[in-house]
Amino acid sequence: MGGRANPQINRERLTQGLALAALLAMGAWVLIGPSGLLAWSENNRLLAERQKELAQLQAERNVLKNRVALLNPTSVDPDMAGELLRANLNVVHPDEVVLILK
């Protein structure tokens, strides 16, 4: 008997197929999406780079903080004042020898 298939069964198969396709698409997104499992190693590498850069910038910030503290207008450090005069105004004492390093 070669009759037509039941339309209810075809509709159920179509619904199940679409649900399976949606689940497979979500699973693929979990694996290869921008925050998926495959992107974790790249994200960890970037995190390590950023932490290294942050540590370097914090060290530079601490150096600059120290220089600012030494230039406090109420009590300027004489060594820091002399260093700035020599660097910015090319001022030297008569008994100093200047070595230019390139």
N, C-alpha and C. Protein backbone atom coordinates (compact mmCIF):
# COMPACT_ATOMS: atom_id res chain seq x y z
N MET A 1 0.81 -1.18 0.00
CA MET A 1 0.00 0.00 0.00
C MET A 1 0.86 1.25 0.00
N GLY A 2 0.86 1.96 -1.02
CA GLY A 2 1.68 3.15 -1.14
C GLY A 2 0.90 4.41 -0.94
N GLY A 3 0.41 4.62 0.26
CA GLY A 3 -0.33 5.83 0.58
C GLY A 3 0.58 6.95 1.05
N ARG A 4 -0.03 8.09 1.28
CA ARG A 4 0.72 9.25 1.79
C ARG A 4 1.04 9.03 3.26
N ALA A 5 2.19 9.62 3.71
CA ALA A 5 2.55 9.53 5.12
C ALA A 5 1.65 10.45 5.93
N ASN A 6 1.52 10.15 7.16
CA ASN A 6 0.67 10.92 8.06
C ASN A 6 1.25 12.33 8.22
N PRO A 7 0.47 13.39 7.97
CA PRO A 7 1.00 14.75 8.09
C PRO A 7 1.42 15.08 9.52
N GLN A 8 0.82 14.47 10.50
CA GLN A 8 1.19 14.71 11.90
C GLN A 8 2.62 14.23 12.15
N ILE A 9 3.00 13.08 11.59
CA ILE A 9 4.35 12.54 11.77
C ILE A 9 5.37 13.43 11.07
N ASN A 10 5.05 13.92 9.90
CA ASN A 10 5.97 14.82 9.17
C ASN A 10 6.19 16.11 9.94
N ARG A 11 5.15 16.64 10.54
CA ARG A 11 5.26 17.87 11.32
C ARG A 11 6.14 17.64 12.55
N GLU A 12 5.99 16.50 13.21
CA GLU A 12 6.81 16.17 14.37
C GLU A 12 8.28 16.02 13.97
N ARG A 13 8.52 15.37 12.85
CA ARG A 13 9.91 15.21 12.37
C ARG A 13 10.53 16.56 12.05
N LEU A 14 9.75 17.43 11.43
CA LEU A 14 10.25 18.77 11.12
C LEU A 14 10.57 19.54 12.41
N THR A 15 9.70 19.46 13.38
CA THR A 15 9.91 20.14 14.66
C THR A 15 11.15 19.59 15.36
N GLN A 16 11.30 18.28 15.36
CA GLN A 16 12.47 17.66 15.99
C GLN A 16 13.75 18.03 15.24
N GLY A 17 13.68 18.09 13.93
CA GLY A 17 14.85 18.48 13.13
C GLY A 17 15.27 19.92 13.41
N LEU A 18 14.28 20.81 13.51
CA LEU A 18 14.60 22.20 13.81
C LEU A 18 15.17 22.36 15.22
N ALA A 19 14.62 21.60 16.17
CA ALA A 19 15.14 21.66 17.54
C ALA A 19 16.57 21.13 17.59
N LEU A 20 16.83 20.04 16.86
CA LEU A 20 18.19 19.50 16.81
C LEU A 20 19.16 20.49 16.17
N ALA A 21 18.73 21.15 15.11
CA ALA A 21 19.58 22.14 14.44
C ALA A 21 19.88 23.31 15.38
N ALA A 22 18.87 23.73 16.14
CA ALA A 22 19.08 24.83 17.09
C ALA A 22 20.06 24.41 18.18
N LEU A 23 19.92 23.20 18.70
CA LEU A 23 20.84 22.71 19.74
C LEU A 23 22.26 22.60 19.20
N LEU A 24 22.41 22.11 17.97
CA LEU A 24 23.74 22.01 17.37
C LEU A 24 24.36 23.39 17.15
N ALA A 25 23.55 24.35 16.75
CA ALA A 25 24.05 25.72 16.56
C ALA A 25 24.51 26.31 17.89
N MET A 26 23.72 26.09 18.96
CA MET A 26 24.12 26.60 20.27
C MET A 26 25.39 25.91 20.76
N GLY A 27 25.49 24.62 20.52
CA GLY A 27 26.71 23.89 20.91
C GLY A 27 27.93 24.40 20.16
N ALA A 28 27.77 24.67 18.88
CA ALA A 28 28.88 25.21 18.10
C ALA A 28 29.28 26.59 18.62
N TRP A 29 28.28 27.40 18.99
CA TRP A 29 28.57 28.74 19.53
C TRP A 29 29.35 28.63 20.83
N VAL A 30 29.00 27.65 21.68
CA VAL A 30 29.71 27.43 22.94
C VAL A 30 31.16 27.06 22.67
N LEU A 31 31.41 26.31 21.63
CA LEU A 31 32.78 25.88 21.33
C LEU A 31 33.60 26.97 20.64
N ILE A 32 33.04 27.59 19.60
CA ILE A 32 33.86 28.47 18.76
C ILE A 32 33.46 29.94 18.84
N GLY A 33 32.58 30.29 19.75
CA GLY A 33 32.15 31.69 19.88
C GLY A 33 33.26 32.56 20.45
N PRO A 34 33.04 33.87 20.52
CA PRO A 34 34.07 34.80 21.00
C PRO A 34 34.48 34.55 22.45
N SER A 35 33.59 33.97 23.24
CA SER A 35 33.96 33.62 24.61
C SER A 35 33.81 32.12 24.82
N GLY A 36 33.96 31.37 23.76
CA GLY A 36 33.80 29.92 23.81
C GLY A 36 35.03 29.21 24.34
N LEU A 37 34.94 27.90 24.35
CA LEU A 37 36.02 27.09 24.91
C LEU A 37 37.32 27.23 24.13
N LEU A 38 37.23 27.37 22.82
CA LEU A 38 38.45 27.49 22.01
C LEU A 38 39.12 28.86 22.18
N ALA A 39 38.38 29.86 22.61
CA ALA A 39 38.95 31.20 22.79
C ALA A 39 39.60 31.37 24.16
N TRP A 40 39.45 30.42 25.07
CA TRP A 40 39.97 30.57 26.42
C TRP A 40 41.49 30.67 26.44
N SER A 41 42.17 29.89 25.65
CA SER A 41 43.64 29.96 25.67
C SER A 41 44.12 31.32 25.17
N GLU A 42 43.48 31.84 24.15
CA GLU A 42 43.85 33.17 23.65
C GLU A 42 43.54 34.23 24.70
N ASN A 43 42.41 34.10 25.37
CA ASN A 43 42.05 35.06 26.42
C ASN A 43 43.03 34.98 27.59
N ASN A 44 43.46 33.78 27.95
CA ASN A 44 44.43 33.64 29.03
C ASN A 44 45.77 34.25 28.66
N ARG A 45 46.19 34.09 27.40
CA ARG A 45 47.43 34.70 26.93
C ARG A 45 47.34 36.22 26.98
N LEU A 46 46.23 36.76 26.51
CA LEU A 46 46.03 38.21 26.55
C LEU A 46 45.99 38.72 27.98
N LEU A 47 45.37 37.96 28.88
CA LEU A 47 45.32 38.35 30.28
C LEU A 47 46.73 38.42 30.88
N ALA A 48 47.56 37.43 30.57
CA ALA A 48 48.94 37.43 31.07
C ALA A 48 49.71 38.63 30.54
N GLU A 49 49.52 38.95 29.26
CA GLU A 49 50.19 40.13 28.67
C GLU A 49 49.74 41.40 29.37
N ARG A 50 48.44 41.54 29.57
CA ARG A 50 47.91 42.74 30.20
C ARG A 50 48.39 42.87 31.65
N GLN A 51 48.48 41.76 32.36
CA GLN A 51 48.96 41.81 33.74
C GLN A 51 50.44 42.23 33.78
N LYS A 52 51.22 41.75 32.82
CA LYS A 52 52.63 42.14 32.74
C LYS A 52 52.74 43.64 32.44
N GLU A 53 51.93 44.11 31.50
CA GLU A 53 51.93 45.53 31.15
C GLU A 53 51.47 46.38 32.34
N LEU A 54 50.47 45.88 33.07
CA LEU A 54 49.99 46.60 34.25
C LEU A 54 51.07 46.71 35.32
N ALA A 55 51.81 45.63 35.55
CA ALA A 55 52.89 45.66 36.54
C ALA A 55 53.96 46.67 36.13
N GLN A 56 54.28 46.73 34.84
CA GLN A 56 55.28 47.68 34.35
C GLN A 56 54.77 49.12 34.53
N LEU A 57 53.52 49.36 34.20
CA LEU A 57 52.97 50.71 34.34
C LEU A 57 52.88 51.12 35.80
N GLN A 58 52.57 50.19 36.68
CA GLN A 58 52.53 50.52 38.10
C GLN A 58 53.93 50.86 38.63
N ALA A 59 54.96 50.16 38.13
CA ALA A 59 56.32 50.48 38.53
C ALA A 59 56.70 51.89 38.06
N GLU A 60 56.36 52.21 36.81
CA GLU A 60 56.63 53.55 36.28
C GLU A 60 55.87 54.60 37.10
N ARG A 61 54.64 54.29 37.44
CA ARG A 61 53.84 55.22 38.24
C ARG A 61 54.46 55.46 39.60
N ASN A 62 55.00 54.40 40.22
CA ASN A 62 55.64 54.56 41.52
C ASN A 62 56.89 55.43 41.42
N VAL A 63 57.65 55.28 40.33
CA VAL A 63 58.83 56.12 40.13
C VAL A 63 58.42 57.58 39.99
N LEU A 64 57.37 57.82 39.19
CA LEU A 64 56.90 59.20 39.01
C LEU A 64 56.33 59.77 40.30
N LYS A 65 55.65 58.94 41.07
CA LYS A 65 55.12 59.39 42.35
C LYS A 65 56.25 59.83 43.28
N ASN A 66 57.33 59.06 43.27
CA ASN A 66 58.48 59.39 44.10
C ASN A 66 59.10 60.72 43.66
N ARG A 67 59.22 60.91 42.35
CA ARG A 67 59.79 62.17 41.84
C ARG A 67 58.90 63.36 42.23
N VAL A 68 57.59 63.17 42.16
CA VAL A 68 56.68 64.25 42.53
C VAL A 68 56.82 64.55 44.02
N ALA A 69 56.96 63.52 44.83
CA ALA A 69 57.12 63.73 46.27
C ALA A 69 58.42 64.47 46.57
N LEU A 70 59.47 64.19 45.79
CA LEU A 70 60.75 64.87 46.00
C LEU A 70 60.70 66.33 45.57
N LEU A 71 59.75 66.67 44.71
CA LEU A 71 59.62 68.05 44.24
C LEU A 71 58.54 68.83 44.99
N ASN A 72 58.20 68.39 46.16
CA ASN A 72 57.22 69.09 46.99
C ASN A 72 57.68 70.53 47.19
N PRO A 73 56.84 71.52 46.88
CA PRO A 73 57.27 72.92 46.98
C PRO A 73 57.70 73.34 48.39
N THR A 74 57.21 72.70 49.41
CA THR A 74 57.58 73.09 50.77
C THR A 74 58.95 72.54 51.17
N SER A 75 59.37 71.43 50.57
CA SER A 75 60.68 70.86 50.92
C SER A 75 61.24 70.11 49.71
N VAL A 76 61.88 70.85 48.82
CA VAL A 76 62.46 70.27 47.61
C VAL A 76 63.74 69.53 47.97
N ASP A 77 63.88 68.33 47.41
CA ASP A 77 65.10 67.56 47.61
C ASP A 77 66.21 68.22 46.79
N PRO A 78 67.34 68.57 47.42
CA PRO A 78 68.42 69.26 46.69
C PRO A 78 68.99 68.44 45.54
N ASP A 79 69.09 67.15 45.71
CA ASP A 79 69.61 66.32 44.61
C ASP A 79 68.67 66.34 43.41
N MET A 80 67.37 66.28 43.67
CA MET A 80 66.40 66.31 42.57
C MET A 80 66.42 67.66 41.88
N ALA A 81 66.54 68.75 42.66
CA ALA A 81 66.60 70.08 42.06
C ALA A 81 67.85 70.21 41.20
N GLY A 82 68.99 69.73 41.68
CA GLY A 82 70.22 69.78 40.89
C GLY A 82 70.10 68.95 39.62
N GLU A 83 69.49 67.79 39.72
CA GLU A 83 69.31 66.93 38.53
C GLU A 83 68.46 67.62 37.48
N LEU A 84 67.37 68.25 37.92
CA LEU A 84 66.50 68.95 36.97
C LEU A 84 67.20 70.16 36.36
N LEU A 85 67.96 70.91 37.15
CA LEU A 85 68.69 72.05 36.61
C LEU A 85 69.69 71.61 35.56
N ARG A 86 70.42 70.55 35.85
CA ARG A 86 71.42 70.07 34.89
C ARG A 86 70.76 69.55 33.62
N ALA A 87 69.64 68.86 33.76
CA ALA A 87 68.99 68.27 32.59
C ALA A 87 68.28 69.32 31.73
N ASN A 88 67.60 70.26 32.37
CA ASN A 88 66.77 71.20 31.60
C ASN A 88 67.51 72.47 31.19
N LEU A 89 68.42 72.95 32.03
CA LEU A 89 69.07 74.23 31.74
C LEU A 89 70.53 74.10 31.36
N ASN A 90 71.03 72.88 31.33
CA ASN A 90 72.45 72.63 31.02
C ASN A 90 73.37 73.40 31.97
N VAL A 91 73.00 73.43 33.23
CA VAL A 91 73.79 74.12 34.24
C VAL A 91 74.68 73.10 34.94
N VAL A 92 75.98 73.44 35.06
CA VAL A 92 76.91 72.55 35.76
C VAL A 92 77.77 73.38 36.69
N HIS A 93 78.33 72.73 37.72
CA HIS A 93 79.29 73.38 38.60
C HIS A 93 80.64 73.44 37.90
N PRO A 94 81.47 74.41 38.25
CA PRO A 94 82.78 74.53 37.60
C PRO A 94 83.67 73.29 37.80
N ASP A 95 83.50 72.56 38.88
CA ASP A 95 84.36 71.43 39.12
C ASP A 95 83.80 70.11 38.60
N GLU A 96 82.68 70.14 37.86
CA GLU A 96 82.09 68.93 37.33
C GLU A 96 82.60 68.63 35.94
N VAL A 97 82.64 67.35 35.63
CA VAL A 97 83.02 66.91 34.29
C VAL A 97 81.78 66.29 33.67
N VAL A 98 81.47 66.73 32.45
CA VAL A 98 80.27 66.23 31.75
C VAL A 98 80.68 65.19 30.74
N LEU A 99 80.09 64.02 30.83
CA LEU A 99 80.30 62.96 29.85
C LEU A 99 79.01 62.76 29.09
N ILE A 100 79.07 62.92 27.79
CA ILE A 100 77.88 62.75 26.97
C ILE A 100 77.86 61.32 26.45
N LEU A 101 76.83 60.59 26.82
CA LEU A 101 76.66 59.22 26.40
C LEU A 101 75.60 59.14 25.34
N LYS A 102 75.91 58.42 24.29
CA LYS A 102 74.92 58.28 23.21
C LYS A 102 74.52 56.85 23.08
